[in-house]
């Protein structure tokens, strides 16, 4: 009888060990297959956005060429290996262009194995920030601030109207986030409301725009 009890006890211990081990391995396997998000800063703090030599900056894949079509001036980005045009951006007219413009970063944002880019142009009155994404039909230019502005209006409809703000909103910390093969455009908007009777109030919102809400330039 004692021998039978011992055998039964050892059998139960073995079963418990197998169950526990299986649970641990299953948990680890589930964790291993959890989709991991990858973040890409579009305008890193150490980029040359404030310098005029941004106009001449190249990346591993692309180099800039300036061309004129009538009164318009374009920056063409050329594939350094093939010499073919990747994409172009309108930077102004023969009477005046952005003071600073050009490539900021190259990386595979959308995970298709083809380089993508961030691009910036600006002067003292306006700026243009683009995320340029590869696609089967060529490169598509996402207007970063227009996309975030649309998301702001969609998510925070109760925010005060434009006439209640002291100046234009400031967008910062702009990045693309890839997870499960999909992209999110993320950024922070900050603005000041002067319409309040209890004094000026500063606002800050984190925005996340899905791909279907991206605003594209032609």
N, C-alpha and C. Protein backbone atom coordinates (compact mmCIF):
# COMPACT_ATOMS: atom_id res chain seq x y z
N UNK A 1 0.83 -1.21 0.00
CA UNK A 1 0.00 0.00 0.00
C UNK A 1 0.86 1.27 0.00
N UNK A 2 1.94 1.25 0.85
CA UNK A 2 2.84 2.41 0.91
C UNK A 2 3.49 2.65 -0.44
N UNK A 3 3.89 1.54 -1.11
CA UNK A 3 4.53 1.68 -2.42
C UNK A 3 3.57 2.27 -3.43
N UNK A 4 2.28 1.87 -3.35
CA UNK A 4 1.27 2.38 -4.27
C UNK A 4 1.07 3.88 -4.05
N UNK A 5 1.01 4.30 -2.78
CA UNK A 5 0.85 5.72 -2.47
C UNK A 5 2.03 6.54 -2.97
N UNK A 6 3.23 5.98 -2.82
CA UNK A 6 4.42 6.69 -3.29
C UNK A 6 4.39 6.86 -4.80
N UNK A 7 3.99 5.81 -5.51
CA UNK A 7 3.91 5.87 -6.97
C UNK A 7 2.88 6.91 -7.41
N UNK A 8 1.74 6.91 -6.72
CA UNK A 8 0.70 7.87 -7.04
C UNK A 8 1.17 9.29 -6.79
N UNK A 9 1.88 9.46 -5.67
CA UNK A 9 2.41 10.80 -5.35
C UNK A 9 3.39 11.28 -6.42
N UNK A 10 4.31 10.41 -6.82
CA UNK A 10 5.29 10.77 -7.84
C UNK A 10 4.62 11.07 -9.18
N UNK A 11 3.56 10.31 -9.48
CA UNK A 11 2.83 10.54 -10.72
C UNK A 11 2.18 11.92 -10.70
N UNK A 12 1.56 12.27 -9.56
CA UNK A 12 0.93 13.59 -9.44
C UNK A 12 1.95 14.72 -9.52
N UNK A 13 3.10 14.53 -8.90
CA UNK A 13 4.17 15.53 -8.99
C UNK A 13 4.60 15.72 -10.43
N UNK A 14 4.72 14.61 -11.17
CA UNK A 14 5.13 14.67 -12.58
C UNK A 14 4.10 15.44 -13.40
N UNK A 15 2.81 15.14 -13.14
CA UNK A 15 1.74 15.84 -13.87
C UNK A 15 1.78 17.33 -13.60
N UNK A 16 1.95 17.71 -12.33
CA UNK A 16 2.02 19.13 -11.98
C UNK A 16 3.21 19.80 -12.64
N UNK A 17 4.34 19.11 -12.70
CA UNK A 17 5.53 19.67 -13.34
C UNK A 17 5.29 19.90 -14.82
N UNK A 18 4.68 18.93 -15.49
CA UNK A 18 4.40 19.06 -16.91
C UNK A 18 3.45 20.22 -17.18
N UNK A 19 2.39 20.34 -16.35
CA UNK A 19 1.42 21.42 -16.52
C UNK A 19 2.08 22.78 -16.32
N UNK A 20 2.89 22.89 -15.27
CA UNK A 20 3.57 24.16 -14.98
C UNK A 20 4.54 24.52 -16.08
N UNK A 21 5.31 23.55 -16.55
CA UNK A 21 6.27 23.81 -17.62
C UNK A 21 5.58 24.23 -18.89
N UNK A 22 4.49 23.56 -19.23
CA UNK A 22 3.74 23.91 -20.43
C UNK A 22 3.19 25.32 -20.34
N UNK A 23 2.71 25.70 -19.17
CA UNK A 23 2.16 27.04 -18.98
C UNK A 23 3.23 28.11 -19.16
N UNK A 24 4.42 27.86 -18.62
CA UNK A 24 5.52 28.81 -18.74
C UNK A 24 5.94 28.96 -20.19
N UNK A 25 6.10 27.80 -20.88
CA UNK A 25 6.52 27.85 -22.28
C UNK A 25 5.48 28.52 -23.15
N UNK A 26 4.20 28.27 -22.86
CA UNK A 26 3.13 28.90 -23.64
C UNK A 26 3.14 30.40 -23.45
N UNK A 27 3.37 30.83 -22.20
CA UNK A 27 3.43 32.27 -21.92
C UNK A 27 4.59 32.92 -22.66
N UNK A 28 5.74 32.26 -22.64
CA UNK A 28 6.91 32.80 -23.34
C UNK A 28 6.68 32.84 -24.84
N UNK A 29 6.07 31.79 -25.38
CA UNK A 29 5.80 31.75 -26.82
C UNK A 29 4.83 32.85 -27.22
N UNK A 30 3.79 33.03 -26.38
CA UNK A 30 2.83 34.09 -26.67
C UNK A 30 3.50 35.45 -26.65
N UNK A 31 4.41 35.64 -25.69
CA UNK A 31 5.14 36.90 -25.62
C UNK A 31 6.04 37.10 -26.81
N UNK A 32 6.63 36.01 -27.28
CA UNK A 32 7.55 36.11 -28.42
C UNK A 32 6.83 36.53 -29.68
N UNK A 33 5.54 36.18 -29.80
CA UNK A 33 4.80 36.49 -31.01
C UNK A 33 3.98 37.76 -30.89
N UNK A 34 4.08 38.45 -29.76
CA UNK A 34 3.40 39.72 -29.62
C UNK A 34 4.04 40.73 -30.58
N UNK A 35 3.23 41.41 -31.41
CA UNK A 35 3.80 42.38 -32.34
C UNK A 35 4.47 43.53 -31.60
N UNK A 36 5.68 43.83 -31.96
CA UNK A 36 6.44 44.89 -31.30
C UNK A 36 6.35 46.17 -32.12
N UNK A 37 6.09 47.27 -31.47
CA UNK A 37 6.01 48.54 -32.18
C UNK A 37 7.41 49.11 -32.35
N UNK A 38 7.63 49.74 -33.51
CA UNK A 38 8.91 50.38 -33.83
C UNK A 38 8.64 51.85 -34.09
N UNK A 39 9.38 52.71 -33.41
CA UNK A 39 9.18 54.15 -33.54
C UNK A 39 10.30 54.78 -34.35
N UNK A 40 9.92 55.73 -35.21
CA UNK A 40 10.88 56.47 -36.03
C UNK A 40 10.66 57.96 -35.80
N UNK A 41 11.61 58.62 -35.20
CA UNK A 41 11.55 60.07 -35.08
C UNK A 41 11.76 60.68 -36.46
N UNK A 42 10.82 61.51 -36.88
CA UNK A 42 10.94 62.12 -38.21
C UNK A 42 11.92 63.28 -38.22
N UNK A 43 12.02 63.99 -37.10
CA UNK A 43 12.89 65.16 -37.02
C UNK A 43 13.70 65.11 -35.73
N UNK A 44 14.73 64.27 -35.68
CA UNK A 44 15.54 64.13 -34.46
C UNK A 44 16.14 65.46 -34.04
N UNK A 45 16.43 65.57 -32.77
CA UNK A 45 16.96 66.82 -32.22
C UNK A 45 18.29 67.21 -32.84
N UNK A 46 19.08 66.22 -33.32
CA UNK A 46 20.39 66.52 -33.88
C UNK A 46 20.36 66.69 -35.39
N UNK A 47 19.16 66.81 -35.99
CA UNK A 47 19.08 67.02 -37.45
C UNK A 47 19.42 68.46 -37.79
N UNK A 48 19.61 68.73 -39.08
CA UNK A 48 20.05 70.05 -39.53
C UNK A 48 18.90 70.97 -39.94
N UNK A 49 17.74 70.82 -39.32
CA UNK A 49 16.58 71.57 -39.78
C UNK A 49 16.79 73.08 -39.68
N UNK A 50 17.65 73.54 -38.82
CA UNK A 50 17.85 74.97 -38.67
C UNK A 50 18.99 75.52 -39.50
N UNK A 51 19.56 74.70 -40.39
CA UNK A 51 20.74 75.14 -41.14
C UNK A 51 20.47 75.12 -42.65
N UNK A 52 21.00 76.11 -43.34
CA UNK A 52 20.76 76.23 -44.77
C UNK A 52 21.41 75.10 -45.56
N UNK A 53 22.44 74.43 -45.01
CA UNK A 53 23.08 73.35 -45.76
C UNK A 53 22.21 72.11 -45.85
N UNK A 54 21.02 72.14 -45.20
CA UNK A 54 20.06 71.05 -45.36
C UNK A 54 19.70 70.89 -46.84
N UNK A 55 19.76 71.98 -47.59
CA UNK A 55 19.44 71.95 -49.02
C UNK A 55 20.34 70.97 -49.77
N UNK A 56 21.55 70.80 -49.30
CA UNK A 56 22.52 69.95 -50.01
C UNK A 56 22.71 68.58 -49.36
N UNK A 57 22.02 68.34 -48.26
CA UNK A 57 22.22 67.08 -47.54
C UNK A 57 21.75 65.88 -48.37
N UNK A 58 22.54 64.81 -48.33
CA UNK A 58 22.19 63.55 -48.97
C UNK A 58 21.95 62.50 -47.90
N UNK A 59 21.31 61.41 -48.32
CA UNK A 59 21.19 60.24 -47.45
C UNK A 59 21.87 59.08 -48.16
N UNK A 60 21.79 57.90 -47.58
CA UNK A 60 22.43 56.74 -48.18
C UNK A 60 21.89 56.45 -49.58
N UNK A 61 20.62 56.79 -49.81
CA UNK A 61 19.97 56.45 -51.09
C UNK A 61 19.75 57.65 -51.98
N UNK A 62 19.49 58.83 -51.42
CA UNK A 62 19.01 59.96 -52.20
C UNK A 62 19.95 61.16 -52.16
N UNK A 63 20.01 61.87 -53.29
CA UNK A 63 20.73 63.14 -53.36
C UNK A 63 19.82 64.18 -53.99
N UNK A 64 19.94 65.45 -53.58
CA UNK A 64 19.04 66.50 -54.07
C UNK A 64 19.54 67.16 -55.34
N UNK A 65 18.58 67.56 -56.18
CA UNK A 65 18.86 68.34 -57.39
C UNK A 65 17.79 69.42 -57.49
N UNK A 66 18.20 70.65 -57.77
CA UNK A 66 17.26 71.76 -57.87
C UNK A 66 16.90 71.97 -59.34
N UNK A 67 15.59 72.06 -59.64
CA UNK A 67 15.14 72.30 -61.02
C UNK A 67 14.06 73.37 -61.01
N UNK A 68 13.91 74.03 -62.16
CA UNK A 68 12.88 75.05 -62.33
C UNK A 68 11.94 74.64 -63.45
N UNK A 69 10.66 74.79 -63.20
CA UNK A 69 9.63 74.54 -64.20
C UNK A 69 8.75 75.78 -64.27
N UNK A 70 8.99 76.62 -65.27
CA UNK A 70 8.31 77.91 -65.34
C UNK A 70 8.76 78.78 -64.19
N UNK A 71 7.81 79.26 -63.41
CA UNK A 71 8.16 80.11 -62.27
C UNK A 71 8.34 79.31 -60.99
N UNK A 72 8.07 78.01 -61.02
CA UNK A 72 8.17 77.19 -59.82
C UNK A 72 9.54 76.53 -59.70
N UNK A 73 9.96 76.38 -58.45
CA UNK A 73 11.25 75.74 -58.14
C UNK A 73 10.95 74.46 -57.37
N UNK A 74 11.58 73.37 -57.80
CA UNK A 74 11.38 72.07 -57.17
C UNK A 74 12.72 71.51 -56.71
N UNK A 75 12.67 70.80 -55.60
CA UNK A 75 13.81 69.98 -55.21
C UNK A 75 13.48 68.54 -55.60
N UNK A 76 14.30 67.98 -56.49
CA UNK A 76 14.16 66.59 -56.88
C UNK A 76 15.09 65.75 -56.03
N UNK A 77 14.62 64.61 -55.58
CA UNK A 77 15.47 63.67 -54.86
C UNK A 77 15.72 62.50 -55.79
N UNK A 78 17.00 62.26 -56.09
CA UNK A 78 17.43 61.31 -57.10
C UNK A 78 18.02 60.07 -56.43
N UNK A 79 17.68 58.91 -56.95
CA UNK A 79 18.30 57.67 -56.49
C UNK A 79 19.77 57.68 -56.88
N UNK A 80 20.65 57.62 -55.91
CA UNK A 80 22.09 57.74 -56.16
C UNK A 80 22.64 56.57 -56.98
N UNK A 81 21.97 55.44 -56.93
CA UNK A 81 22.46 54.26 -57.65
C UNK A 81 21.97 54.23 -59.10
N UNK A 82 20.69 54.55 -59.30
CA UNK A 82 20.11 54.44 -60.64
C UNK A 82 20.01 55.78 -61.37
N UNK A 83 20.08 56.89 -60.64
CA UNK A 83 19.92 58.20 -61.26
C UNK A 83 18.49 58.59 -61.54
N UNK A 84 17.55 57.75 -61.12
CA UNK A 84 16.14 58.05 -61.36
C UNK A 84 15.55 58.90 -60.24
N UNK A 85 14.52 59.66 -60.60
CA UNK A 85 13.85 60.50 -59.60
C UNK A 85 13.04 59.65 -58.65
N UNK A 86 13.21 59.89 -57.35
CA UNK A 86 12.40 59.24 -56.33
C UNK A 86 11.11 60.02 -56.08
N UNK A 87 11.27 61.31 -55.82
CA UNK A 87 10.13 62.21 -55.63
C UNK A 87 10.62 63.64 -55.73
N UNK A 88 9.69 64.58 -55.78
CA UNK A 88 10.05 66.00 -55.82
C UNK A 88 9.12 66.78 -54.91
N UNK A 89 9.60 67.95 -54.47
CA UNK A 89 8.82 68.82 -53.59
C UNK A 89 8.90 70.24 -54.12
N UNK A 90 7.77 70.90 -54.21
CA UNK A 90 7.70 72.31 -54.60
C UNK A 90 8.23 73.15 -53.44
N UNK A 91 9.31 73.91 -53.67
CA UNK A 91 9.92 74.68 -52.58
C UNK A 91 9.74 76.19 -52.74
N UNK A 92 8.99 76.62 -53.78
CA UNK A 92 8.74 78.04 -53.94
C UNK A 92 8.71 78.45 -55.41
N UNK A 93 9.01 79.71 -55.63
CA UNK A 93 9.01 80.25 -56.99
C UNK A 93 10.36 80.92 -57.27
N UNK A 94 10.51 81.41 -58.49
CA UNK A 94 11.75 82.10 -58.84
C UNK A 94 11.90 83.41 -58.07
N UNK A 95 10.81 83.88 -57.45
CA UNK A 95 10.88 85.10 -56.64
C UNK A 95 11.27 84.82 -55.19
N UNK A 96 11.13 83.59 -54.76
CA UNK A 96 11.50 83.26 -53.39
C UNK A 96 11.17 81.82 -53.05
N UNK A 97 12.07 81.17 -52.32
CA UNK A 97 11.88 79.79 -51.89
C UNK A 97 11.96 79.72 -50.36
N UNK A 98 11.68 78.54 -49.82
CA UNK A 98 11.94 78.33 -48.41
C UNK A 98 13.40 78.67 -48.12
N UNK A 99 13.66 79.20 -46.94
CA UNK A 99 15.04 79.49 -46.57
C UNK A 99 15.84 78.20 -46.34
N UNK A 100 15.17 77.24 -45.75
CA UNK A 100 15.79 75.95 -45.45
C UNK A 100 14.88 74.86 -45.98
N UNK A 101 15.44 73.89 -46.67
CA UNK A 101 14.63 72.76 -47.11
C UNK A 101 15.52 71.60 -47.50
N UNK A 102 14.97 70.39 -47.35
CA UNK A 102 15.72 69.21 -47.76
C UNK A 102 15.42 67.99 -46.91
N UNK A 103 16.18 66.93 -47.19
CA UNK A 103 16.02 65.66 -46.48
C UNK A 103 16.50 65.77 -45.05
N UNK A 104 15.78 65.10 -44.16
CA UNK A 104 16.18 65.05 -42.76
C UNK A 104 16.61 63.64 -42.37
N UNK A 105 15.82 62.65 -42.77
CA UNK A 105 16.12 61.28 -42.34
C UNK A 105 15.70 60.28 -43.40
N UNK A 106 16.45 59.17 -43.46
CA UNK A 106 16.08 58.03 -44.30
C UNK A 106 15.99 56.78 -43.41
N UNK A 107 14.90 56.01 -43.57
CA UNK A 107 14.71 54.75 -42.85
C UNK A 107 13.55 54.02 -43.51
N UNK A 108 13.42 52.75 -43.21
CA UNK A 108 12.30 51.97 -43.74
C UNK A 108 11.13 52.09 -42.78
N UNK A 109 10.36 53.17 -42.90
CA UNK A 109 9.28 53.43 -41.96
C UNK A 109 8.17 52.39 -42.04
N UNK A 110 7.77 52.01 -43.27
CA UNK A 110 6.60 51.14 -43.42
C UNK A 110 6.95 49.66 -43.51
N UNK A 111 8.23 49.30 -43.44
CA UNK A 111 8.63 47.91 -43.35
C UNK A 111 8.56 47.11 -44.64
N UNK A 112 8.58 47.79 -45.81
CA UNK A 112 8.52 47.06 -47.07
C UNK A 112 9.89 46.83 -47.69
N UNK A 113 10.94 47.20 -46.96
CA UNK A 113 12.29 46.98 -47.46
C UNK A 113 12.80 48.07 -48.37
N UNK A 114 12.03 49.12 -48.59
CA UNK A 114 12.40 50.23 -49.47
C UNK A 114 12.58 51.48 -48.61
N UNK A 115 13.60 52.28 -48.85
CA UNK A 115 13.84 53.46 -48.01
C UNK A 115 12.69 54.46 -48.06
N UNK A 116 12.36 55.03 -46.93
CA UNK A 116 11.41 56.13 -46.80
C UNK A 116 12.17 57.34 -46.25
N UNK A 117 11.52 58.50 -46.27
CA UNK A 117 12.24 59.73 -45.92
C UNK A 117 11.35 60.67 -45.12
N UNK A 118 12.01 61.53 -44.33
CA UNK A 118 11.33 62.71 -43.80
C UNK A 118 11.99 63.92 -44.44
N UNK A 119 11.19 64.94 -44.70
CA UNK A 119 11.64 66.14 -45.43
C UNK A 119 11.08 67.36 -44.72
N UNK A 120 11.87 68.44 -44.70
CA UNK A 120 11.44 69.68 -44.05
C UNK A 120 11.76 70.87 -44.92
N UNK A 121 10.83 71.82 -44.95
CA UNK A 121 11.08 73.11 -45.58
C UNK A 121 10.48 74.20 -44.71
N UNK A 122 11.15 75.36 -44.62
CA UNK A 122 10.61 76.41 -43.78
C UNK A 122 11.29 77.75 -43.96
N UNK A 123 10.60 78.80 -43.49
CA UNK A 123 11.16 80.16 -43.44
C UNK A 123 10.52 80.86 -42.24
N UNK A 124 10.46 82.18 -42.24
CA UNK A 124 9.96 82.88 -41.06
C UNK A 124 8.43 82.96 -41.01
N UNK A 125 7.76 82.52 -42.07
CA UNK A 125 6.29 82.62 -42.09
C UNK A 125 5.58 81.28 -42.23
N UNK A 126 6.26 80.27 -42.71
CA UNK A 126 5.58 79.00 -42.95
C UNK A 126 6.60 77.87 -42.95
N UNK A 127 6.08 76.64 -42.86
CA UNK A 127 6.95 75.48 -43.01
C UNK A 127 6.16 74.31 -43.57
N UNK A 128 6.89 73.31 -44.01
CA UNK A 128 6.30 72.11 -44.59
C UNK A 128 7.08 70.92 -44.08
N UNK A 129 6.38 69.98 -43.47
CA UNK A 129 7.01 68.77 -42.94
C UNK A 129 6.34 67.56 -43.59
N UNK A 130 7.15 66.73 -44.24
CA UNK A 130 6.62 65.60 -44.98
C UNK A 130 7.24 64.29 -44.52
N UNK A 131 6.40 63.25 -44.48
CA UNK A 131 6.88 61.88 -44.37
C UNK A 131 6.64 61.25 -45.73
N UNK A 132 7.71 60.85 -46.41
CA UNK A 132 7.61 60.36 -47.79
C UNK A 132 7.73 58.84 -47.76
N UNK A 133 6.63 58.18 -48.13
CA UNK A 133 6.53 56.73 -47.96
C UNK A 133 6.49 56.02 -49.31
N UNK A 134 7.24 54.92 -49.40
CA UNK A 134 7.23 54.11 -50.61
C UNK A 134 5.90 53.36 -50.73
N UNK A 135 5.51 53.09 -51.97
CA UNK A 135 4.29 52.34 -52.25
C UNK A 135 4.45 51.66 -53.60
N UNK A 136 3.57 50.72 -53.95
CA UNK A 136 3.67 50.07 -55.28
C UNK A 136 3.52 51.07 -56.43
N UNK A 137 2.92 52.23 -56.15
CA UNK A 137 2.72 53.24 -57.19
C UNK A 137 3.67 54.43 -57.05
N UNK A 138 4.80 54.20 -56.43
CA UNK A 138 5.76 55.28 -56.23
C UNK A 138 5.65 55.88 -54.85
N UNK A 139 6.39 56.95 -54.62
CA UNK A 139 6.41 57.57 -53.29
C UNK A 139 5.19 58.46 -53.08
N UNK A 140 4.67 58.42 -51.84
CA UNK A 140 3.56 59.26 -51.43
C UNK A 140 4.04 60.20 -50.32
N UNK A 141 3.64 61.47 -50.43
CA UNK A 141 4.09 62.49 -49.48
C UNK A 141 2.97 62.79 -48.48
N UNK A 142 3.22 62.45 -47.22
CA UNK A 142 2.25 62.71 -46.15
C UNK A 142 2.55 64.08 -45.54
N UNK A 143 1.56 64.97 -45.56
CA UNK A 143 1.69 66.26 -44.90
C UNK A 143 1.52 66.03 -43.40
N UNK A 144 2.62 66.08 -42.68
CA UNK A 144 2.63 65.70 -41.27
C UNK A 144 1.73 66.61 -40.43
N UNK A 145 1.90 67.92 -40.57
CA UNK A 145 1.14 68.83 -39.73
C UNK A 145 -0.34 68.86 -40.11
N UNK A 146 -0.66 68.75 -41.40
CA UNK A 146 -2.07 68.71 -41.81
C UNK A 146 -2.74 67.46 -41.27
N UNK A 147 -2.02 66.35 -41.25
CA UNK A 147 -2.56 65.11 -40.70
C UNK A 147 -2.82 65.24 -39.21
N UNK A 148 -1.86 65.79 -38.48
CA UNK A 148 -2.03 65.96 -37.04
C UNK A 148 -3.11 66.99 -36.73
N UNK A 149 -3.21 68.03 -37.55
CA UNK A 149 -4.26 69.03 -37.36
C UNK A 149 -5.64 68.39 -37.51
N UNK A 150 -5.80 67.53 -38.52
CA UNK A 150 -7.07 66.84 -38.70
C UNK A 150 -7.40 65.94 -37.52
N UNK A 151 -6.38 65.26 -37.00
CA UNK A 151 -6.59 64.38 -35.85
C UNK A 151 -6.96 65.19 -34.61
N UNK A 152 -6.34 66.33 -34.44
CA UNK A 152 -6.65 67.22 -33.32
C UNK A 152 -8.12 67.64 -33.37
N UNK A 153 -8.57 68.08 -34.54
CA UNK A 153 -9.96 68.51 -34.69
C UNK A 153 -10.93 67.35 -34.48
N UNK A 154 -10.51 66.16 -34.86
CA UNK A 154 -11.38 64.99 -34.73
C UNK A 154 -11.48 64.53 -33.28
N UNK A 155 -10.36 64.53 -32.56
CA UNK A 155 -10.32 63.98 -31.20
C UNK A 155 -10.65 64.98 -30.11
N UNK A 156 -10.45 66.27 -30.39
CA UNK A 156 -10.65 67.28 -29.34
C UNK A 156 -11.57 68.39 -29.86
N UNK A 157 -12.79 67.99 -30.18
CA UNK A 157 -13.76 68.92 -30.77
C UNK A 157 -14.16 70.04 -29.81
N UNK A 158 -13.99 69.80 -28.51
CA UNK A 158 -14.40 70.81 -27.53
C UNK A 158 -13.32 71.85 -27.28
N UNK A 159 -12.16 71.72 -27.91
CA UNK A 159 -11.11 72.72 -27.72
C UNK A 159 -11.57 74.08 -28.25
N UNK A 160 -11.07 75.16 -27.68
CA UNK A 160 -11.46 76.50 -28.13
C UNK A 160 -11.13 76.72 -29.60
N UNK A 161 -11.93 77.53 -30.31
CA UNK A 161 -11.68 77.81 -31.73
C UNK A 161 -10.42 78.63 -31.95
N UNK A 162 -10.03 78.75 -33.22
CA UNK A 162 -8.78 79.42 -33.56
C UNK A 162 -8.74 80.86 -33.08
N UNK A 163 -9.90 81.57 -33.10
CA UNK A 163 -9.90 82.98 -32.69
C UNK A 163 -9.64 83.16 -31.20
N UNK A 164 -9.68 82.07 -30.45
CA UNK A 164 -9.41 82.15 -29.01
C UNK A 164 -7.95 81.89 -28.68
N UNK A 165 -7.14 81.60 -29.69
CA UNK A 165 -5.75 81.27 -29.43
C UNK A 165 -4.85 82.46 -29.73
N UNK A 166 -3.75 82.55 -29.00
CA UNK A 166 -2.84 83.68 -29.18
C UNK A 166 -2.06 83.58 -30.49
N UNK A 167 -1.78 82.36 -30.94
CA UNK A 167 -1.00 82.18 -32.16
C UNK A 167 -1.28 80.79 -32.70
N UNK A 168 -0.58 80.41 -33.76
CA UNK A 168 -0.79 79.10 -34.35
C UNK A 168 -0.34 78.00 -33.38
N UNK A 169 -0.99 76.84 -33.44
CA UNK A 169 -0.55 75.73 -32.58
C UNK A 169 0.84 75.26 -32.97
N UNK A 170 1.54 74.71 -32.02
CA UNK A 170 2.89 74.19 -32.26
C UNK A 170 2.83 72.66 -32.23
N UNK A 171 3.30 72.04 -33.30
CA UNK A 171 3.38 70.58 -33.36
C UNK A 171 4.83 70.16 -33.14
N UNK A 172 5.03 69.14 -32.33
CA UNK A 172 6.39 68.68 -32.04
C UNK A 172 6.38 67.18 -31.79
N UNK A 173 7.58 66.63 -31.55
CA UNK A 173 7.74 65.20 -31.22
C UNK A 173 7.07 64.31 -32.27
N UNK A 174 7.23 64.68 -33.54
CA UNK A 174 6.55 63.97 -34.61
C UNK A 174 7.30 62.69 -34.96
N UNK A 175 6.56 61.58 -35.00
CA UNK A 175 7.18 60.30 -35.31
C UNK A 175 6.17 59.38 -35.98
N UNK A 176 6.70 58.39 -36.70
CA UNK A 176 5.89 57.31 -37.23
C UNK A 176 6.08 56.08 -36.36
N UNK A 177 5.01 55.39 -36.07
CA UNK A 177 5.05 54.19 -35.25
C UNK A 177 4.49 53.03 -36.07
N UNK A 178 5.30 51.98 -36.26
CA UNK A 178 4.85 50.82 -37.02
C UNK A 178 4.58 49.65 -36.09
N UNK A 179 3.39 49.08 -36.22
CA UNK A 179 3.03 47.91 -35.42
C UNK A 179 2.08 47.04 -36.23
N UNK A 180 2.38 45.74 -36.27
CA UNK A 180 1.56 44.78 -37.01
C UNK A 180 1.38 45.21 -38.47
N UNK A 181 2.42 45.79 -39.05
CA UNK A 181 2.37 46.17 -40.45
C UNK A 181 1.60 47.44 -40.75
N UNK A 182 1.12 48.13 -39.73
CA UNK A 182 0.38 49.37 -39.91
C UNK A 182 1.15 50.54 -39.31
N UNK A 183 0.88 51.73 -39.84
CA UNK A 183 1.56 52.93 -39.38
C UNK A 183 0.61 53.85 -38.63
N UNK A 184 1.15 54.50 -37.62
CA UNK A 184 0.49 55.61 -36.94
C UNK A 184 1.41 56.82 -37.03
N UNK A 185 0.83 57.98 -37.28
CA UNK A 185 1.58 59.22 -37.20
C UNK A 185 1.29 59.84 -35.84
N UNK A 186 2.31 60.07 -35.06
CA UNK A 186 2.15 60.55 -33.69
C UNK A 186 2.82 61.91 -33.53
N UNK A 187 2.23 62.76 -32.73
CA UNK A 187 2.82 64.06 -32.45
C UNK A 187 2.13 64.73 -31.28
N UNK A 188 2.69 65.83 -30.84
CA UNK A 188 2.15 66.61 -29.72
C UNK A 188 1.77 67.99 -30.24
N UNK A 189 0.58 68.45 -29.85
CA UNK A 189 0.17 69.81 -30.20
C UNK A 189 0.09 70.63 -28.91
N UNK A 190 0.59 71.84 -28.98
CA UNK A 190 0.53 72.77 -27.85
C UNK A 190 -0.04 74.10 -28.33
N UNK A 191 -0.91 74.70 -27.52
CA UNK A 191 -1.45 76.01 -27.86
C UNK A 191 -1.92 76.70 -26.59
N UNK A 192 -2.21 77.99 -26.71
CA UNK A 192 -2.63 78.80 -25.57
C UNK A 192 -4.01 79.39 -25.83
N UNK A 193 -4.89 79.27 -24.88
CA UNK A 193 -6.26 79.80 -24.97
C UNK A 193 -6.34 81.10 -24.16
N UNK A 194 -6.71 82.19 -24.84
CA UNK A 194 -6.79 83.50 -24.16
C UNK A 194 -8.24 83.92 -23.93
N UNK A 195 -9.21 83.06 -24.28
CA UNK A 195 -10.62 83.44 -24.18
C UNK A 195 -11.20 83.19 -22.79
N UNK A 196 -10.47 82.51 -21.94
CA UNK A 196 -11.01 82.13 -20.63
C UNK A 196 -11.10 83.33 -19.70
N UNK A 197 -12.17 83.38 -18.92
CA UNK A 197 -12.35 84.47 -17.96
C UNK A 197 -11.47 84.28 -16.72
N UNK A 198 -10.98 83.04 -16.53
CA UNK A 198 -10.15 82.78 -15.35
C UNK A 198 -8.66 82.81 -15.69
N UNK A 199 -8.32 83.45 -16.81
CA UNK A 199 -6.92 83.60 -17.16
C UNK A 199 -6.49 82.72 -18.33
N UNK A 200 -5.31 82.97 -18.81
CA UNK A 200 -4.76 82.24 -19.95
C UNK A 200 -4.48 80.79 -19.54
N UNK A 201 -4.79 79.85 -20.45
CA UNK A 201 -4.54 78.45 -20.16
C UNK A 201 -3.76 77.83 -21.30
N UNK A 202 -2.77 77.03 -20.96
CA UNK A 202 -1.95 76.34 -21.95
C UNK A 202 -2.41 74.89 -22.08
N UNK A 203 -2.53 74.43 -23.31
CA UNK A 203 -2.99 73.07 -23.59
C UNK A 203 -1.90 72.26 -24.27
N UNK A 204 -1.94 70.96 -24.03
CA UNK A 204 -1.02 70.03 -24.68
C UNK A 204 -1.74 68.70 -24.90
N UNK A 205 -1.74 68.21 -26.14
CA UNK A 205 -2.41 66.95 -26.45
C UNK A 205 -1.46 66.04 -27.23
N UNK A 206 -1.51 64.75 -26.91
CA UNK A 206 -0.81 63.74 -27.70
C UNK A 206 -1.78 63.23 -28.76
N UNK A 207 -1.34 63.26 -30.02
CA UNK A 207 -2.19 62.88 -31.15
C UNK A 207 -1.64 61.63 -31.82
N UNK A 208 -2.54 60.76 -32.27
CA UNK A 208 -2.14 59.56 -33.02
C UNK A 208 -3.10 59.39 -34.20
N UNK A 209 -2.59 59.56 -35.41
CA UNK A 209 -3.42 59.46 -36.61
C UNK A 209 -3.18 58.14 -37.32
N UNK A 210 -4.26 57.42 -37.64
CA UNK A 210 -4.16 56.17 -38.38
C UNK A 210 -3.90 56.46 -39.86
N UNK A 211 -3.44 55.42 -40.58
CA UNK A 211 -3.11 55.60 -41.99
C UNK A 211 -4.28 56.13 -42.80
N UNK A 212 -5.50 55.68 -42.50
CA UNK A 212 -6.65 56.13 -43.28
C UNK A 212 -6.94 57.62 -43.10
N UNK A 213 -6.30 58.23 -42.11
CA UNK A 213 -6.49 59.67 -41.89
C UNK A 213 -5.27 60.48 -42.36
N UNK A 214 -4.29 59.86 -42.98
CA UNK A 214 -3.14 60.60 -43.49
C UNK A 214 -3.58 61.57 -44.58
N UNK A 215 -3.01 62.77 -44.56
CA UNK A 215 -3.27 63.77 -45.59
C UNK A 215 -2.07 63.77 -46.55
N UNK A 216 -2.34 63.50 -47.83
CA UNK A 216 -1.27 63.36 -48.82
C UNK A 216 -1.20 64.61 -49.71
N UNK A 217 0.02 64.98 -50.08
CA UNK A 217 0.24 66.03 -51.08
C UNK A 217 0.34 65.40 -52.45
N UNK A 218 -0.06 66.16 -53.45
CA UNK A 218 0.07 65.67 -54.83
C UNK A 218 1.51 65.85 -55.31
